[in-house]
Amino acid sequence: MAKKLRVGVIGVGGIAHTHLPGWKASEHAEVVAGSDVVPDALKQWGEAQGVTQLATDPQELFDDPDIDIIDVCTPNNYHAPLSIAALNAGKHVICEKPLAPSPALVRDMIAARDGSGKLLMTAQHFRFESHSKAMKEEIDEGALGDIYHARSWMLRRGGAPTGAGFIQKRHSGGGPCIDIGVHILDLTLWFMGNPQPRTVTGVARAGLAHLPGAFTGWGRAAIPEEFDVEDFASAFVRFDNGATLVIEVSWLLHHDTMGEDMQMWLYGTKAGSHWPKLEVYEANNDTRQYYNRSLKLRPSTIEAHAQECVEFAQAIVNGAPSPVPPEESLQVMQILDGIYQSQESGREFVIE
């Protein structure tokens, strides 16, 4: 058996825990090192995972010639510098979403990828869920025809985080747009075939977070005063192929569903669809009848966060392209950045 790819994890708290089962399940990779700016957390993680190569300075991992993959699991604003440094050191990189908090930084990461000859992947785990794969297969087979419009949302009622890494712009780069909007937007664009966005008309505001006594449903905790990002955003997007998209995202909304509500409707020339219901809505023009059908789901034996790590290692070993290429993440960030730009100017933002 070929030698396993050696993985170094940067940022061992939070989302990193969802990646570990994937590295353990992979026949091609294993975690051998970790880095975090919090020494106690790093030590505890190392003991729990049986990892002895630990460093508070990630450069130690970049300088290690035996490490093949860097898994970046830090707050958003640190993704780009860490990923670029890792790529420049000759490492493959899987980086948590969003790839970076601005289109310019994503382009810098793509340039570093090109210079290194290594793979760069965004950890967009919803692509790896069974529901998503089933819908993507249906679309790629042409069931919907040309998709000309989409409606997507990812909404929470009382679901604002309270950690500084999420609610302070200097760490996160933004609020629910960056945190959860990136999920539903990436998935929608992937289903649509990743058309190039051209214009964005959007709003991004904090309508509830700063009200007296504002709280989150998670532990009924008060919204911290240092909350300086949006809690709601919406947008209308035009693409170069003529398609359009309406998107809504929120952490705090007086919605009819507690927790998280993530839905998507796609409308094509042959049929429409709903995700995650996995329903397709069609018409027979010869018989003048409408009918619906449900897609069959192939159950997965591994959770999506883990599956993305497994498939990244497989791509490296097989010499295959990145499972989630950064060029597609650039489109996502162009739209999210466009929402902020449109909010600031009060008018439509044109993507150059």
Protein backbone atom coordinates (compact mmCIF):
# COMPACT_ATOMS: atom_id res chain seq x y z
CA MET A 1 0.00 0.00 0.00
CA ALA A 2 1.25 3.49 -0.88
CA LYS A 3 2.33 5.79 1.91
CA LYS A 4 -0.56 7.78 3.34
CA LEU A 5 -0.78 11.52 2.80
CA ARG A 6 0.08 13.33 6.01
CA VAL A 7 -2.37 16.02 7.17
CA GLY A 8 -1.76 19.03 9.37
CA VAL A 9 -4.82 20.77 10.82
CA ILE A 10 -4.72 24.51 11.53
CA GLY A 11 -7.39 25.66 13.97
CA VAL A 12 -8.29 22.58 16.00
CA GLY A 13 -11.54 23.77 17.59
CA GLY A 14 -15.06 24.02 16.19
CA ILE A 15 -15.38 22.88 12.60
CA ALA A 16 -12.13 20.89 12.70
CA HIS A 17 -13.91 18.23 14.73
CA THR A 18 -16.21 17.49 11.79
CA HIS A 19 -13.22 16.89 9.49
CA LEU A 20 -11.48 14.35 11.70
CA PRO A 21 -13.86 11.43 10.96
CA GLY A 22 -13.14 11.95 7.27
CA TRP A 23 -9.40 11.78 7.70
CA LYS A 24 -9.83 8.68 9.85
CA ALA A 25 -12.08 7.08 7.22
CA SER A 26 -9.73 7.90 4.34
CA GLU A 27 -7.57 5.09 3.03
CA HIS A 28 -5.21 7.71 1.62
CA ALA A 29 -4.62 10.19 4.46
CA GLU A 30 -3.98 10.55 8.19
CA VAL A 31 -3.73 13.49 10.60
CA VAL A 32 -0.21 13.81 12.00
CA ALA A 33 -0.01 17.44 13.18
CA GLY A 34 -2.05 20.32 14.52
CA SER A 35 -1.69 24.03 15.11
CA ASP A 36 -3.73 26.51 17.12
CA VAL A 37 -3.16 29.88 18.77
CA VAL A 38 -4.64 28.60 22.04
CA PRO A 39 -2.00 26.33 23.63
CA ASP A 40 -4.32 24.59 26.11
CA ALA A 41 -6.89 23.79 23.44
CA LEU A 42 -4.14 22.49 21.17
CA LYS A 43 -2.73 20.26 23.91
CA GLN A 44 -6.15 18.81 24.73
CA TRP A 45 -6.86 18.18 21.06
CA GLY A 46 -3.53 16.44 20.58
CA GLU A 47 -4.14 14.17 23.55
CA ALA A 48 -7.65 13.32 22.37
CA GLN A 49 -6.52 12.57 18.81
CA GLY A 50 -3.21 10.90 19.61
CA VAL A 51 -1.31 13.61 17.71
CA THR A 52 2.05 14.63 19.15
CA GLN A 53 3.28 17.10 16.54
CA LEU A 54 1.74 20.33 17.85
CA ALA A 55 2.66 23.95 17.18
CA THR A 56 1.19 27.33 18.03
CA ASP A 57 2.97 28.73 14.98
CA PRO A 58 1.51 27.20 11.77
CA GLN A 59 4.75 27.95 9.94
CA GLU A 60 6.20 24.89 11.65
CA LEU A 61 3.70 22.76 9.75
CA PHE A 62 4.42 24.55 6.47
CA ASP A 63 8.15 23.98 6.95
CA ASP A 64 7.74 20.24 7.58
CA PRO A 65 8.58 18.44 4.30
CA ASP A 66 6.70 15.33 5.44
CA ILE A 67 3.31 17.08 5.65
CA ASP A 68 1.35 16.82 2.39
CA ILE A 69 -2.01 18.43 3.19
CA ILE A 70 -2.96 21.47 5.24
CA ASP A 71 -6.54 21.59 6.52
CA VAL A 72 -7.44 25.22 7.35
CA CYS A 73 -10.22 25.46 9.96
CA THR A 74 -9.68 28.95 11.36
CA PRO A 75 -12.01 32.00 11.39
CA ASN A 76 -12.67 33.42 7.92
CA ASN A 77 -10.24 36.33 7.82
CA TYR A 78 -7.27 34.00 8.35
CA HIS A 79 -8.12 31.56 5.55
CA ALA A 80 -6.29 33.36 2.75
CA PRO A 81 -2.93 34.09 4.39
CA LEU A 82 -2.67 30.60 5.86
CA SER A 83 -3.73 28.87 2.65
CA ILE A 84 -1.38 30.95 0.52
CA ALA A 85 1.53 30.24 2.85
CA ALA A 86 0.75 26.53 2.76
CA LEU A 87 0.49 26.46 -1.03
CA ASN A 88 3.73 28.39 -1.37
CA ALA A 89 5.33 25.75 0.85
CA GLY A 90 4.21 23.03 -1.56
CA LYS A 91 1.21 21.69 0.37
CA HIS A 92 -2.22 20.72 -0.90
CA VAL A 93 -4.88 22.77 0.90
CA ILE A 94 -8.46 22.11 1.90
CA CYS A 95 -9.89 25.27 3.44
CA GLU A 96 -13.14 25.81 5.27
CA LYS A 97 -15.78 28.02 3.72
CA PRO A 98 -15.78 30.81 2.79
CA LEU A 99 -12.52 30.41 0.93
CA ALA A 100 -11.80 34.07 1.71
CA PRO A 101 -13.92 37.09 2.66
CA SER A 102 -13.30 39.00 -0.59
CA PRO A 103 -12.96 38.20 -4.31
CA ALA A 104 -9.48 39.76 -4.39
CA LEU A 105 -8.20 37.37 -1.74
CA VAL A 106 -9.73 34.39 -3.54
CA ARG A 107 -7.85 35.45 -6.66
CA ASP A 108 -4.65 35.62 -4.61
CA MET A 109 -5.29 32.06 -3.44
CA ILE A 110 -5.88 30.90 -7.01
CA ALA A 111 -2.58 32.49 -8.04
CA ALA A 112 -0.80 30.68 -5.21
CA ARG A 113 -2.47 27.43 -6.28
CA ASP A 114 -1.31 27.95 -9.85
CA GLY A 115 2.23 28.70 -8.71
CA SER A 116 2.41 25.65 -6.48
CA GLY A 117 0.88 23.06 -8.78
CA LYS A 118 -1.04 21.70 -5.80
CA LEU A 119 -4.78 21.26 -5.21
CA LEU A 120 -6.89 23.88 -3.43
CA MET A 121 -10.40 22.95 -2.32
CA THR A 122 -13.15 24.80 -0.48
CA ALA A 123 -14.86 22.68 2.17
CA GLN A 124 -18.44 23.15 0.96
CA HIS A 125 -19.87 20.10 2.66
CA PHE A 126 -23.45 20.42 1.38
CA ARG A 127 -22.24 19.31 -2.05
CA PHE A 128 -21.30 15.97 -0.52
CA GLU A 129 -24.68 15.16 1.05
CA SER A 130 -26.74 12.40 -0.55
CA HIS A 131 -29.63 14.80 -1.25
CA SER A 132 -27.31 17.15 -3.12
CA LYS A 133 -25.63 14.44 -5.17
CA ALA A 134 -28.99 13.00 -6.20
CA MET A 135 -30.25 16.39 -7.37
CA LYS A 136 -27.01 17.20 -9.17
CA GLU A 137 -27.14 13.92 -11.09
CA GLU A 138 -30.71 14.64 -12.17
CA ILE A 139 -29.80 18.12 -13.35
CA ASP A 140 -26.68 16.96 -15.19
CA GLU A 141 -28.81 14.40 -17.04
CA GLY A 142 -30.85 17.31 -18.40
CA ALA A 143 -34.08 16.77 -16.47
CA LEU A 144 -34.64 20.49 -15.83
CA GLY A 145 -33.46 21.75 -19.20
CA ASP A 146 -31.94 25.24 -19.09
CA ILE A 147 -32.25 26.63 -15.56
CA TYR A 148 -33.31 30.26 -15.93
CA HIS A 149 -34.32 31.17 -12.38
CA ALA A 150 -33.65 30.06 -8.81
CA ARG A 151 -34.97 30.97 -5.36
CA SER A 152 -32.83 30.06 -2.37
CA TRP A 153 -32.80 30.77 1.32
CA MET A 154 -31.03 29.75 4.48
CA LEU A 155 -32.88 31.24 7.41
CA ARG A 156 -32.63 30.89 11.16
CA ARG A 157 -35.11 31.93 13.79
CA GLY A 158 -33.03 32.80 16.84
CA GLY A 159 -29.88 31.20 15.48
CA ALA A 160 -27.21 33.86 15.81
CA PRO A 161 -23.81 32.69 17.06
CA THR A 162 -22.13 34.67 19.82
CA GLY A 163 -18.44 33.87 19.29
CA ALA A 164 -16.12 36.65 18.18
CA GLY A 165 -15.03 34.58 15.19
CA PHE A 166 -18.56 34.93 13.78
CA ILE A 167 -19.93 38.28 14.95
CA GLN A 168 -16.90 40.57 14.71
CA LYS A 169 -16.13 41.65 11.17
CA ARG A 170 -12.39 41.84 11.85
CA HIS A 171 -12.42 38.05 12.30
CA SER A 172 -15.29 36.90 10.09
CA GLY A 173 -15.52 39.41 7.26
CA GLY A 174 -19.32 39.46 7.61
CA GLY A 175 -22.39 37.89 9.19
CA PRO A 176 -24.84 35.29 7.85
CA CYS A 177 -23.88 36.12 4.24
CA ILE A 178 -20.40 34.81 4.89
CA ASP A 179 -21.33 32.18 7.47
CA ILE A 180 -24.38 30.36 6.07
CA GLY A 181 -25.25 32.23 2.87
CA VAL A 182 -22.09 30.79 1.40
CA HIS A 183 -23.60 27.29 1.79
CA ILE A 184 -26.91 27.77 0.00
CA LEU A 185 -25.34 30.06 -2.60
CA ASP A 186 -22.56 27.63 -3.46
CA LEU A 187 -25.04 24.78 -3.76
CA THR A 188 -27.43 26.81 -5.93
CA LEU A 189 -24.68 27.92 -8.31
CA TRP A 190 -23.37 24.35 -8.53
CA PHE A 191 -26.82 23.07 -9.49
CA MET A 192 -27.18 25.89 -12.03
CA GLY A 193 -23.88 24.95 -13.68
CA ASN A 194 -21.93 27.87 -12.20
CA PRO A 195 -22.95 30.67 -14.57
CA GLN A 196 -20.92 33.85 -14.17
CA PRO A 197 -22.70 36.47 -12.03
CA ARG A 198 -22.88 39.95 -13.57
CA THR A 199 -24.97 42.21 -11.31
CA VAL A 200 -26.17 42.14 -7.71
CA THR A 201 -28.86 44.25 -6.07
CA GLY A 202 -28.75 43.51 -2.36
CA VAL A 203 -29.32 44.61 1.19
CA ALA A 204 -27.45 43.62 4.33
CA ARG A 205 -28.69 44.91 7.66
CA ALA A 206 -28.89 44.16 11.36
CA GLY A 207 -32.60 44.59 11.97
CA LEU A 208 -32.88 42.59 15.19
CA ALA A 209 -29.43 42.11 16.70
CA HIS A 210 -29.24 45.57 18.28
CA LEU A 211 -32.76 45.80 19.69
CA PRO A 212 -32.91 46.11 23.51
CA GLY A 213 -32.72 42.66 25.07
CA ALA A 214 -31.89 40.94 21.76
CA PHE A 215 -30.98 37.30 22.29
CA THR A 216 -30.23 34.12 20.40
CA GLY A 217 -32.17 30.90 20.71
CA TRP A 218 -28.92 29.06 21.34
CA GLY A 219 -28.87 28.99 25.14
CA ARG A 220 -31.04 32.14 25.25
CA ALA A 221 -27.79 34.11 25.40
CA ALA A 222 -27.77 37.88 24.91
CA ILE A 223 -26.42 39.18 21.62
CA PRO A 224 -22.97 40.63 22.51
CA GLU A 225 -22.50 44.38 22.14
CA GLU A 226 -19.52 43.81 19.84
CA PHE A 227 -21.85 42.31 17.19
CA ASP A 228 -20.92 44.47 14.16
CA VAL A 229 -22.07 42.40 11.17
CA GLU A 230 -25.43 42.00 9.41
CA ASP A 231 -28.07 39.60 10.75
CA PHE A 232 -30.09 39.52 7.50
CA ALA A 233 -29.36 39.89 3.79
CA SER A 234 -31.19 39.42 0.52
CA ALA A 235 -30.32 39.92 -3.13
CA PHE A 236 -31.38 39.70 -6.75
CA VAL A 237 -28.62 38.40 -9.03
CA ARG A 238 -28.31 38.40 -12.83
CA PHE A 239 -25.97 36.00 -14.66
CA ASP A 240 -24.22 36.22 -18.01
CA ASN A 241 -26.44 33.48 -19.48
CA GLY A 242 -29.63 35.42 -18.67
CA ALA A 243 -30.51 33.41 -15.58
CA THR A 244 -31.57 35.10 -12.34
CA LEU A 245 -31.50 34.29 -8.63
CA VAL A 246 -33.28 35.57 -5.53
CA ILE A 247 -31.53 34.71 -2.26
CA GLU A 248 -32.25 35.38 1.43
CA VAL A 249 -30.10 34.58 4.45
CA SER A 250 -30.47 35.36 8.14
CA TRP A 251 -29.36 34.40 11.63
CA LEU A 252 -32.28 36.22 13.30
CA LEU A 253 -35.67 36.32 11.64
CA HIS A 254 -39.27 36.13 12.86
CA HIS A 255 -39.73 33.08 10.66
CA ASP A 256 -42.26 30.29 11.08
CA THR A 257 -39.60 27.62 11.59
CA MET A 258 -37.39 27.31 14.64
CA GLY A 259 -33.79 26.39 14.03
CA GLU A 260 -32.60 26.44 10.43
CA ASP A 261 -34.66 26.46 7.25
CA MET A 262 -32.64 25.81 4.08
CA GLN A 263 -34.54 25.49 0.79
CA MET A 264 -34.01 25.94 -2.93
CA TRP A 265 -36.28 26.05 -5.96
CA LEU A 266 -34.85 25.73 -9.46
CA TYR A 267 -36.88 26.57 -12.56
CA GLY A 268 -35.89 25.25 -15.97
CA THR A 269 -37.30 24.99 -19.47
CA LYS A 270 -38.19 21.31 -18.97
CA ALA A 271 -39.03 21.15 -15.26
CA GLY A 272 -38.64 22.72 -11.86
CA SER A 273 -37.33 21.20 -8.65
CA HIS A 274 -37.12 21.58 -4.91
CA TRP A 275 -34.14 20.81 -2.72
CA PRO A 276 -33.94 19.18 -0.20
CA LYS A 277 -37.35 17.58 -0.86
CA LEU A 278 -35.84 16.02 -4.01
CA GLU A 279 -39.00 16.70 -5.99
CA VAL A 280 -39.20 17.45 -9.72
CA TYR A 281 -42.18 19.32 -11.21
CA GLU A 282 -42.90 18.65 -14.87
CA ALA A 283 -45.51 19.19 -17.58
CA ASN A 284 -46.48 17.10 -20.61
CA ASN A 285 -47.42 19.54 -23.36
CA ASP A 286 -48.87 16.75 -25.53
CA THR A 287 -51.40 15.63 -22.90
CA ARG A 288 -51.58 19.02 -21.17
CA GLN A 289 -50.94 17.47 -17.79
CA TYR A 290 -48.76 18.45 -14.84
CA TYR A 291 -47.09 15.87 -12.65
CA ASN A 292 -44.56 15.62 -9.84
CA ARG A 293 -42.03 12.93 -9.04
CA SER A 294 -39.59 12.23 -6.24
CA LEU A 295 -35.95 11.32 -6.70
CA LYS A 296 -34.47 8.20 -5.19
CA LEU A 297 -31.91 8.79 -2.49
CA ARG A 298 -28.78 6.72 -2.10
CA PRO A 299 -28.01 6.73 1.62
CA SER A 300 -24.48 7.65 2.58
CA THR A 301 -22.47 5.80 5.21
CA ILE A 302 -20.39 8.86 6.06
CA GLU A 303 -21.34 12.41 7.08
CA ALA A 304 -20.80 15.15 4.48
CA HIS A 305 -18.05 17.04 6.35
CA ALA A 306 -16.13 13.78 6.49
CA GLN A 307 -16.88 12.83 2.89
CA GLU A 308 -15.35 16.03 1.56
CA CYS A 309 -12.03 15.13 3.22
CA VAL A 310 -12.16 11.60 1.83
CA GLU A 311 -12.78 12.88 -1.69
CA PHE A 312 -10.05 15.52 -1.45
CA ALA A 313 -7.47 12.87 -0.59
CA GLN A 314 -8.77 10.66 -3.41
CA ALA A 315 -8.41 13.51 -5.89
CA ILE A 316 -4.77 14.05 -4.88
CA VAL A 317 -3.91 10.38 -5.20
CA ASN A 318 -5.74 9.99 -8.51
CA GLY A 319 -4.41 13.20 -10.04
CA ALA A 320 -7.98 14.47 -10.38
CA PRO A 321 -9.20 18.09 -10.23
CA SER A 322 -10.19 19.71 -6.95
CA PRO A 323 -13.67 18.49 -5.87
CA VAL A 324 -14.62 22.13 -5.17
CA PRO A 325 -12.36 24.33 -7.30
CA PRO A 326 -11.59 27.86 -6.07
CA GLU A 327 -12.83 29.37 -9.33
CA GLU A 328 -16.36 28.36 -8.29
CA SER A 329 -15.82 29.79 -4.82
CA LEU A 330 -14.76 33.04 -6.50
CA GLN A 331 -18.22 33.30 -8.08
CA VAL A 332 -19.81 32.78 -4.67
CA MET A 333 -17.71 35.50 -3.11
CA GLN A 334 -18.35 37.89 -6.01
CA ILE A 335 -22.06 37.69 -5.21
CA LEU A 336 -21.66 37.97 -1.43
CA ASP A 337 -19.29 40.90 -1.83
CA GLY A 338 -21.77 42.38 -4.30
CA ILE A 339 -24.47 42.31 -1.63
CA TYR A 340 -22.28 44.34 0.72
CA GLN A 341 -21.26 46.72 -2.08
CA SER A 342 -24.88 47.21 -3.13
CA GLN A 343 -25.92 47.88 0.46
CA GLU A 344 -23.21 50.50 0.82
CA SER A 345 -24.00 52.31 -2.44
CA GLY A 346 -27.76 51.87 -2.40
CA ARG A 347 -27.75 50.70 -6.01
CA GLU A 348 -27.04 47.72 -8.23
CA PHE A 349 -23.45 46.48 -8.15
CA VAL A 350 -21.80 45.42 -11.41
CA ILE A 351 -19.27 42.59 -11.14
CA GLU A 352 -16.21 43.38 -13.24
